[in-house]
Amino acid sequence: MRGFGVGTYLFQGFPSDAEWRRVALTRDDVGGLLYANYPTWVTLSGGSRLVRDGAANVESIDTGDGTNANIFGVERELRGGRTFAEMILAAENPKAPHIVVEGHARATAYARVLPDDAEVEAIAGYSARLGEWRWF
């Protein structure tokens, strides 16, 4: 899916030695994630790549590719009680900054509307070779 296992699309250059774990994240945790180094998300975050910055900018920075509308749609779905598949994250190790591999719009919406006492699950892959990933 999305290039996993074949090194294409989202997983171009992704290290094959990644160790995968499930993690639970609060809204603050999600806000501290980094977006993948992709133009849409760099633009939305004002260059910081921090999800919390992108979440703060959704209403003021239009990415020009429909991303803003997609985020608003995810927010509506969340408020209506919908649950989504886990985001996929990656980091060099569990203590290193985590980068969103898949689920950028969900991460942005979670940072905006997830209740303070709620958590979302994600799948995180860890590899010291993460710097080889195209979107690192």
Protein backbone atom coordinates (compact mmCIF):
# COMPACT_ATOMS: atom_id res chain seq x y z
CA MET A 1 0.00 0.00 0.00
CA ARG A 2 1.32 3.42 -0.97
CA GLY A 3 4.62 1.89 -2.00
CA PHE A 4 5.38 -0.03 1.19
CA GLY A 5 7.63 -3.02 0.60
CA VAL A 6 8.53 -1.95 -2.92
CA GLY A 7 10.23 1.37 -2.14
CA THR A 8 7.98 3.61 -4.19
CA TYR A 9 5.64 6.55 -3.61
CA LEU A 10 5.56 7.38 0.13
CA PHE A 11 8.18 4.76 0.88
CA GLN A 12 10.81 5.73 -1.69
CA GLY A 13 14.18 5.21 0.01
CA PHE A 14 12.52 4.08 3.23
CA PRO A 15 14.88 1.79 5.17
CA SER A 16 13.97 -1.89 5.02
CA ASP A 17 15.32 -2.48 8.53
CA ALA A 18 12.63 -0.38 10.27
CA GLU A 19 11.23 -1.89 13.46
CA TRP A 20 7.50 -1.23 13.79
CA ARG A 21 5.54 -0.44 16.96
CA ARG A 22 2.13 0.89 17.86
CA VAL A 23 2.16 4.18 19.73
CA ALA A 24 -0.56 6.28 21.40
CA LEU A 25 -0.55 10.05 20.91
CA THR A 26 -2.32 12.95 22.60
CA ARG A 27 -3.25 16.12 20.73
CA ASP A 28 -0.03 17.74 22.00
CA ASP A 29 2.00 14.74 20.80
CA VAL A 30 0.40 14.98 17.36
CA GLY A 31 1.16 18.70 17.23
CA GLY A 32 4.82 17.94 17.88
CA LEU A 33 5.10 15.60 14.91
CA LEU A 34 6.93 16.73 11.81
CA TYR A 35 5.37 16.64 8.38
CA ALA A 36 7.24 14.77 5.66
CA ASN A 37 9.51 17.06 3.67
CA TYR A 38 6.98 17.58 0.88
CA PRO A 39 6.12 21.03 -0.57
CA THR A 40 2.44 21.05 0.49
CA TRP A 41 3.28 20.40 4.13
CA VAL A 42 6.33 22.66 4.21
CA THR A 43 4.12 25.46 2.86
CA LEU A 44 1.25 24.83 5.28
CA SER A 45 3.60 24.79 8.28
CA GLY A 46 5.33 28.01 7.25
CA GLY A 47 8.56 26.07 6.76
CA SER A 48 8.80 24.53 10.23
CA ARG A 49 7.25 21.18 9.20
CA LEU A 50 5.60 21.03 12.65
CA VAL A 51 2.05 19.70 12.56
CA ARG A 52 0.99 22.24 15.21
CA ASP A 53 2.09 25.06 12.90
CA GLY A 54 0.23 23.56 9.96
CA ALA A 55 -2.86 23.18 12.15
CA ALA A 56 -2.64 26.85 13.12
CA ASN A 57 -2.24 27.90 9.47
CA VAL A 58 -5.05 25.89 7.83
CA GLU A 59 -7.34 28.91 7.70
CA SER A 60 -4.68 31.40 6.60
CA ILE A 61 -2.32 29.56 4.22
CA ASP A 62 -3.96 27.98 1.19
CA THR A 63 -1.76 25.22 -0.23
CA GLY A 64 -3.53 25.54 -3.58
CA ASP A 65 -4.00 21.80 -4.03
CA GLY A 66 -7.18 21.06 -2.07
CA THR A 67 -5.34 20.07 1.11
CA ASN A 68 -7.09 22.69 3.24
CA ALA A 69 -10.54 21.45 2.20
CA ASN A 70 -9.45 17.88 2.87
CA ILE A 71 -8.34 18.79 6.40
CA PHE A 72 -11.66 20.56 7.07
CA GLY A 73 -13.47 17.46 5.81
CA VAL A 74 -11.52 15.21 8.18
CA GLU A 75 -12.36 17.57 11.04
CA ARG A 76 -16.07 17.32 10.22
CA GLU A 77 -15.84 13.54 10.16
CA LEU A 78 -14.01 13.47 13.51
CA ARG A 79 -16.61 15.72 15.11
CA GLY A 80 -19.27 13.36 13.78
CA GLY A 81 -17.63 10.43 15.55
CA ARG A 82 -15.78 8.81 12.68
CA THR A 83 -12.57 6.97 13.45
CA PHE A 84 -9.75 6.61 10.95
CA ALA A 85 -6.97 4.12 10.29
CA GLU A 86 -3.76 4.67 12.22
CA MET A 87 -1.30 7.23 10.91
CA ILE A 88 2.11 5.90 9.92
CA LEU A 89 5.08 7.65 11.48
CA ALA A 90 8.85 7.20 11.32
CA ALA A 91 11.81 8.23 13.42
CA GLU A 92 15.46 7.31 13.82
CA ASN A 93 14.66 5.97 17.29
CA PRO A 94 11.77 6.23 19.80
CA LYS A 95 13.20 9.43 21.36
CA ALA A 96 13.91 11.20 18.04
CA PRO A 97 11.44 13.53 16.32
CA HIS A 98 8.70 11.54 14.60
CA ILE A 99 7.78 12.31 10.99
CA VAL A 100 4.39 11.63 9.42
CA VAL A 101 4.76 9.13 6.59
CA GLU A 102 1.04 8.70 5.89
CA GLY A 103 -1.88 10.58 7.43
CA HIS A 104 -0.87 14.23 7.13
CA ALA A 105 -4.42 15.57 6.86
CA ARG A 106 -5.52 13.38 9.77
CA ALA A 107 -2.59 14.58 11.88
CA THR A 108 -3.47 18.20 11.14
CA ALA A 109 -7.13 17.65 11.99
CA TYR A 110 -6.24 15.77 15.19
CA ALA A 111 -4.01 18.68 16.27
CA ARG A 112 -7.01 20.98 15.81
CA VAL A 113 -9.96 19.02 17.21
CA LEU A 114 -8.83 16.01 19.23
CA PRO A 115 -10.14 16.39 22.81
CA ASP A 116 -7.48 17.03 25.45
CA ASP A 117 -8.17 13.71 27.18
CA ALA A 118 -8.20 11.59 24.00
CA GLU A 119 -5.48 9.61 22.27
CA VAL A 120 -5.05 8.28 18.76
CA GLU A 121 -3.02 5.26 17.80
CA ALA A 122 -0.32 5.30 15.16
CA ILE A 123 2.18 2.85 13.78
CA ALA A 124 5.79 4.03 14.07
CA GLY A 125 8.78 2.64 12.22
CA TYR A 126 12.24 3.13 13.70
CA SER A 127 15.52 2.98 11.81
CA ALA A 128 18.88 4.70 12.25
CA ARG A 129 18.91 4.87 8.43
CA LEU A 130 15.77 7.03 8.18
CA GLY A 131 17.84 9.85 6.64
CA GLU A 132 17.87 7.76 3.42
CA TRP A 133 14.11 8.21 3.06
CA ARG A 134 13.16 10.56 0.22
CA TRP A 135 10.84 12.67 2.39
CA PHE A 136 13.12 12.87 5.46
